[in-house]
């Protein structure tokens, strides 16, 4: 569905902007008759402006959807983080969070570092030498 919206957005914008440019060129042509210039202006008003407006609205709508999805993903990630903290007594590792959240090790480390700073977490070292984040519950 998102791909279809993107395709329609492109079609509407290309069509609208093309008509606008061609109509503007025709209106600016000193050799064109008054009737032809009025026809070009009519084409701009009837075809170009609505098409461009629809394409612009579709871009705005797709952007809003994307921002809402990112917000939901961040909320889901935070809920998973809090659930894991509660489940594991406030201790969590980078790999444990990465596996649970289905994200990369790097993204997991960045997220946990951010949360550790935000929540004043401490650190422990595991027997294997890994870092264990210790969050207050």
C-alpha atoms as a PDB file:
ATOM      1  CA  UNK A   1       0.000   0.000   0.000  1.00  0.00           C
ATOM      2  CA  UNK A   2       2.819   2.388   0.843  1.00  0.00           C
ATOM      3  CA  UNK A   3       4.500   1.686  -2.483  1.00  0.00           C
ATOM      4  CA  UNK A   4       1.251   2.425  -4.328  1.00  0.00           C
ATOM      5  CA  UNK A   5       0.957   5.756  -2.501  1.00  0.00           C
ATOM      6  CA  UNK A   6       4.535   6.622  -3.424  1.00  0.00           C
ATOM      7  CA  UNK A   7       3.899   5.805  -7.087  1.00  0.00           C
ATOM      8  CA  UNK A   8       0.702   7.868  -7.150  1.00  0.00           C
ATOM      9  CA  UNK A   9       2.507  10.723  -5.402  1.00  0.00           C
ATOM     10  CA  UNK A  10       5.166  10.734  -8.110  1.00  0.00           C
ATOM     11  CA  UNK A  11       2.615  10.534 -10.908  1.00  0.00           C
ATOM     12  CA  UNK A  12       0.519  13.390  -9.518  1.00  0.00           C
ATOM     13  CA  UNK A  13       3.537  15.613  -8.944  1.00  0.00           C
ATOM     14  CA  UNK A  14       5.169  14.897 -12.307  1.00  0.00           C
ATOM     15  CA  UNK A  15       1.884  15.466 -14.125  1.00  0.00           C
ATOM     16  CA  UNK A  16       1.032  18.628 -12.191  1.00  0.00           C
ATOM     17  CA  UNK A  17       4.458  20.214 -12.416  1.00  0.00           C
ATOM     18  CA  UNK A  18       4.791  19.337 -16.112  1.00  0.00           C
ATOM     19  CA  UNK A  19       1.478  20.988 -16.963  1.00  0.00           C
ATOM     20  CA  UNK A  20       2.442  23.990 -14.839  1.00  0.00           C
ATOM     21  CA  UNK A  21       5.774  24.424 -16.605  1.00  0.00           C
ATOM     22  CA  UNK A  22       4.369  23.915 -20.085  1.00  0.00           C
ATOM     23  CA  UNK A  23       1.462  26.252 -19.409  1.00  0.00           C
ATOM     24  CA  UNK A  24       3.757  28.910 -17.993  1.00  0.00           C
ATOM     25  CA  UNK A  25       6.048  28.668 -21.010  1.00  0.00           C
ATOM     26  CA  UNK A  26       3.047  28.959 -23.333  1.00  0.00           C
ATOM     27  CA  UNK A  27       1.661  31.958 -21.431  1.00  0.00           C
ATOM     28  CA  UNK A  28       5.066  33.676 -21.592  1.00  0.00           C
ATOM     29  CA  UNK A  29       5.318  33.079 -25.353  1.00  0.00           C
ATOM     30  CA  UNK A  30       4.844  36.481 -27.044  1.00  0.00           C
ATOM     31  CA  UNK A  31       3.698  34.788 -30.279  1.00  0.00           C
ATOM     32  CA  UNK A  32       0.766  32.959 -28.636  1.00  0.00           C
ATOM     33  CA  UNK A  33      -2.718  34.363 -29.144  1.00  0.00           C
ATOM     34  CA  UNK A  34      -4.839  35.594 -26.263  1.00  0.00           C
ATOM     35  CA  UNK A  35      -7.167  32.600 -26.660  1.00  0.00           C
ATOM     36  CA  UNK A  36      -4.235  30.161 -26.485  1.00  0.00           C
ATOM     37  CA  UNK A  37      -2.885  31.891 -23.383  1.00  0.00           C
ATOM     38  CA  UNK A  38      -6.294  31.654 -21.724  1.00  0.00           C
ATOM     39  CA  UNK A  39      -6.401  27.961 -22.621  1.00  0.00           C
ATOM     40  CA  UNK A  40      -2.976  27.436 -21.072  1.00  0.00           C
ATOM     41  CA  UNK A  41      -4.091  29.241 -17.931  1.00  0.00           C
ATOM     42  CA  UNK A  42      -7.209  27.066 -17.809  1.00  0.00           C
ATOM     43  CA  UNK A  43      -5.075  23.927 -18.101  1.00  0.00           C
ATOM     44  CA  UNK A  44      -2.901  25.132 -15.248  1.00  0.00           C
ATOM     45  CA  UNK A  45      -5.907  25.832 -13.041  1.00  0.00           C
ATOM     46  CA  UNK A  46      -7.870  22.691 -13.945  1.00  0.00           C
ATOM     47  CA  UNK A  47      -5.090  20.116 -14.169  1.00  0.00           C
ATOM     48  CA  UNK A  48      -1.829  21.355 -12.712  1.00  0.00           C
ATOM     49  CA  UNK A  49      -2.909  22.887  -9.425  1.00  0.00           C
ATOM     50  CA  UNK A  50      -5.209  20.031  -8.263  1.00  0.00           C
ATOM     51  CA  UNK A  51      -2.699  17.381  -9.322  1.00  0.00           C
ATOM     52  CA  UNK A  52       0.171  19.145  -7.562  1.00  0.00           C
ATOM     53  CA  UNK A  53      -1.980  19.695  -4.462  1.00  0.00           C
ATOM     54  CA  UNK A  54      -2.914  16.004  -4.313  1.00  0.00           C
ATOM     55  CA  UNK A  55       0.728  14.980  -4.760  1.00  0.00           C
ATOM     56  CA  UNK A  56       1.820  17.381  -2.030  1.00  0.00           C
ATOM     57  CA  UNK A  57      -0.886  16.102   0.326  1.00  0.00           C
ATOM     58  CA  UNK A  58       0.213  12.515  -0.349  1.00  0.00           C
ATOM     59  CA  UNK A  59       3.813  13.438   0.521  1.00  0.00           C
ATOM     60  CA  UNK A  60       2.629  15.038   3.757  1.00  0.00           C
ATOM     61  CA  UNK A  61       0.467  12.018   4.586  1.00  0.00           C
ATOM     62  CA  UNK A  62       3.296   9.543   3.919  1.00  0.00           C
ATOM     63  CA  UNK A  63       5.597  11.606   6.129  1.00  0.00           C
ATOM     64  CA  UNK A  64       3.025  11.655   8.920  1.00  0.00           C
ATOM     65  CA  UNK A  65       2.608   7.879   8.670  1.00  0.00           C
ATOM     66  CA  UNK A  66       6.367   7.380   8.779  1.00  0.00           C
ATOM     67  CA  UNK A  67       6.740   9.577  11.858  1.00  0.00           C
ATOM     68  CA  UNK A  68       3.898   7.722  13.581  1.00  0.00           C
ATOM     69  CA  UNK A  69       5.524   4.363  12.785  1.00  0.00           C
ATOM     70  CA  UNK A  70       8.871   5.552  14.170  1.00  0.00           C
ATOM     71  CA  UNK A  71       7.144   6.777  17.311  1.00  0.00           C
ATOM     72  CA  UNK A  72       5.422   3.395  17.741  1.00  0.00           C
ATOM     73  CA  UNK A  73       8.688   1.510  17.161  1.00  0.00           C
ATOM     74  CA  UNK A  74      10.436   3.630  19.787  1.00  0.00           C
ATOM     75  CA  UNK A  75       7.576   3.057  22.222  1.00  0.00           C
ATOM     76  CA  UNK A  76       7.681  -0.701  21.575  1.00  0.00           C
ATOM     77  CA  UNK A  77      11.445  -0.731  22.090  1.00  0.00           C
ATOM     78  CA  UNK A  78      11.117   1.154  25.372  1.00  0.00           C
ATOM     79  CA  UNK A  79       8.358  -1.152  26.585  1.00  0.00           C
ATOM     80  CA  UNK A  80      10.521  -4.172  25.780  1.00  0.00           C
ATOM     81  CA  UNK A  81      13.445  -2.544  27.588  1.00  0.00           C
ATOM     82  CA  UNK A  82      11.336  -1.924  30.703  1.00  0.00           C
ATOM     83  CA  UNK A  83       9.906  -5.443  30.601  1.00  0.00           C
ATOM     84  CA  UNK A  84      13.393  -6.954  30.377  1.00  0.00           C
ATOM     85  CA  UNK A  85      14.588  -4.786  33.257  1.00  0.00           C
ATOM     86  CA  UNK A  86      11.688  -5.895  35.409  1.00  0.00           C
ATOM     87  CA  UNK A  87      12.156  -9.514  34.409  1.00  0.00           C
ATOM     88  CA  UNK A  88      15.906  -9.537  35.069  1.00  0.00           C
ATOM     89  CA  UNK A  89      16.057  -7.449  38.214  1.00  0.00           C
ATOM     90  CA  UNK A  90      17.395  -4.309  36.565  1.00  0.00           C
ATOM     91  CA  UNK A  91      20.355  -6.017  34.861  1.00  0.00           C
ATOM     92  CA  UNK A  92      20.686  -6.248  31.106  1.00  0.00           C
ATOM     93  CA  UNK A  93      23.423  -6.889  28.563  1.00  0.00           C
ATOM     94  CA  UNK A  94      23.885  -5.538  25.060  1.00  0.00           C
ATOM     95  CA  UNK A  95      23.452  -8.953  23.450  1.00  0.00           C
ATOM     96  CA  UNK A  96      20.381  -9.808  25.525  1.00  0.00           C
ATOM     97  CA  UNK A  97      18.654  -6.583  24.509  1.00  0.00           C
ATOM     98  CA  UNK A  98      19.769  -6.929  20.867  1.00  0.00           C
ATOM     99  CA  UNK A  99      18.317 -10.439  20.659  1.00  0.00           C
ATOM    100  CA  UNK A 100      15.061  -9.484  22.368  1.00  0.00           C
ATOM    101  CA  UNK A 101      14.544  -6.291  20.359  1.00  0.00           C
ATOM    102  CA  UNK A 102      15.781  -7.863  17.110  1.00  0.00           C
ATOM    103  CA  UNK A 103      18.223  -5.015  16.490  1.00  0.00           C
ATOM    104  CA  UNK A 104      21.944  -4.854  15.791  1.00  0.00           C
ATOM    105  CA  UNK A 105      24.540  -5.040  18.556  1.00  0.00           C
ATOM    106  CA  UNK A 106      25.619  -1.469  17.740  1.00  0.00           C
ATOM    107  CA  UNK A 107      22.074  -0.128  17.951  1.00  0.00           C
ATOM    108  CA  UNK A 108      21.537  -2.046  21.190  1.00  0.00           C
ATOM    109  CA  UNK A 109      24.708  -0.593  22.717  1.00  0.00           C
ATOM    110  CA  UNK A 110      23.772   2.951  21.675  1.00  0.00           C
ATOM    111  CA  UNK A 111      20.261   2.532  23.080  1.00  0.00           C
ATOM    112  CA  UNK A 112      21.491   1.106  26.387  1.00  0.00           C
ATOM    113  CA  UNK A 113      24.164   3.799  26.701  1.00  0.00           C
ATOM    114  CA  UNK A 114      21.487   6.443  26.174  1.00  0.00           C
ATOM    115  CA  UNK A 115      19.167   4.835  28.733  1.00  0.00           C
ATOM    116  CA  UNK A 116      22.031   4.360  31.198  1.00  0.00           C
ATOM    117  CA  UNK A 117      22.795   8.058  31.018  1.00  0.00           C
ATOM    118  CA  UNK A 118      19.119   8.989  31.236  1.00  0.00           C
ATOM    119  CA  UNK A 119      18.391   6.705  34.214  1.00  0.00           C
ATOM    120  CA  UNK A 120      21.761   6.927  36.006  1.00  0.00           C
ATOM    121  CA  UNK A 121      22.542   3.255  35.596  1.00  0.00           C
ATOM    122  CA  UNK A 122      25.646   1.558  36.882  1.00  0.00           C
ATOM    123  CA  UNK A 123      27.836  -1.027  35.210  1.00  0.00           C
ATOM    124  CA  UNK A 124      29.183  -4.418  36.173  1.00  0.00           C
ATOM    125  CA  UNK A 125      31.562  -6.725  34.377  1.00  0.00           C
ATOM    126  CA  UNK A 126      30.548 -10.297  33.724  1.00  0.00           C
ATOM    127  CA  UNK A 127      32.898 -13.247  34.225  1.00  0.00           C
ATOM    128  CA  UNK A 128      33.417 -13.298  30.454  1.00  0.00           C
ATOM    129  CA  UNK A 129      34.375  -9.605  30.426  1.00  0.00           C
ATOM    130  CA  UNK A 130      31.114  -8.227  29.019  1.00  0.00           C
ATOM    131  CA  UNK A 131      29.344  -5.162  30.327  1.00  0.00           C
ATOM    132  CA  UNK A 132      26.192  -5.610  32.375  1.00  0.00           C
ATOM    133  CA  UNK A 133      24.060  -2.500  32.679  1.00  0.00           C
ATOM    134  CA  UNK A 134      22.554  -2.201  36.151  1.00  0.00           C
ATOM    135  CA  UNK A 135      19.468   0.015  36.244  1.00  0.00           C
ATOM    136  CA  UNK A 136      17.639   1.121  39.372  1.00  0.00           C
ATOM    137  CA  UNK A 137      14.200  -0.414  39.593  1.00  0.00           C
END
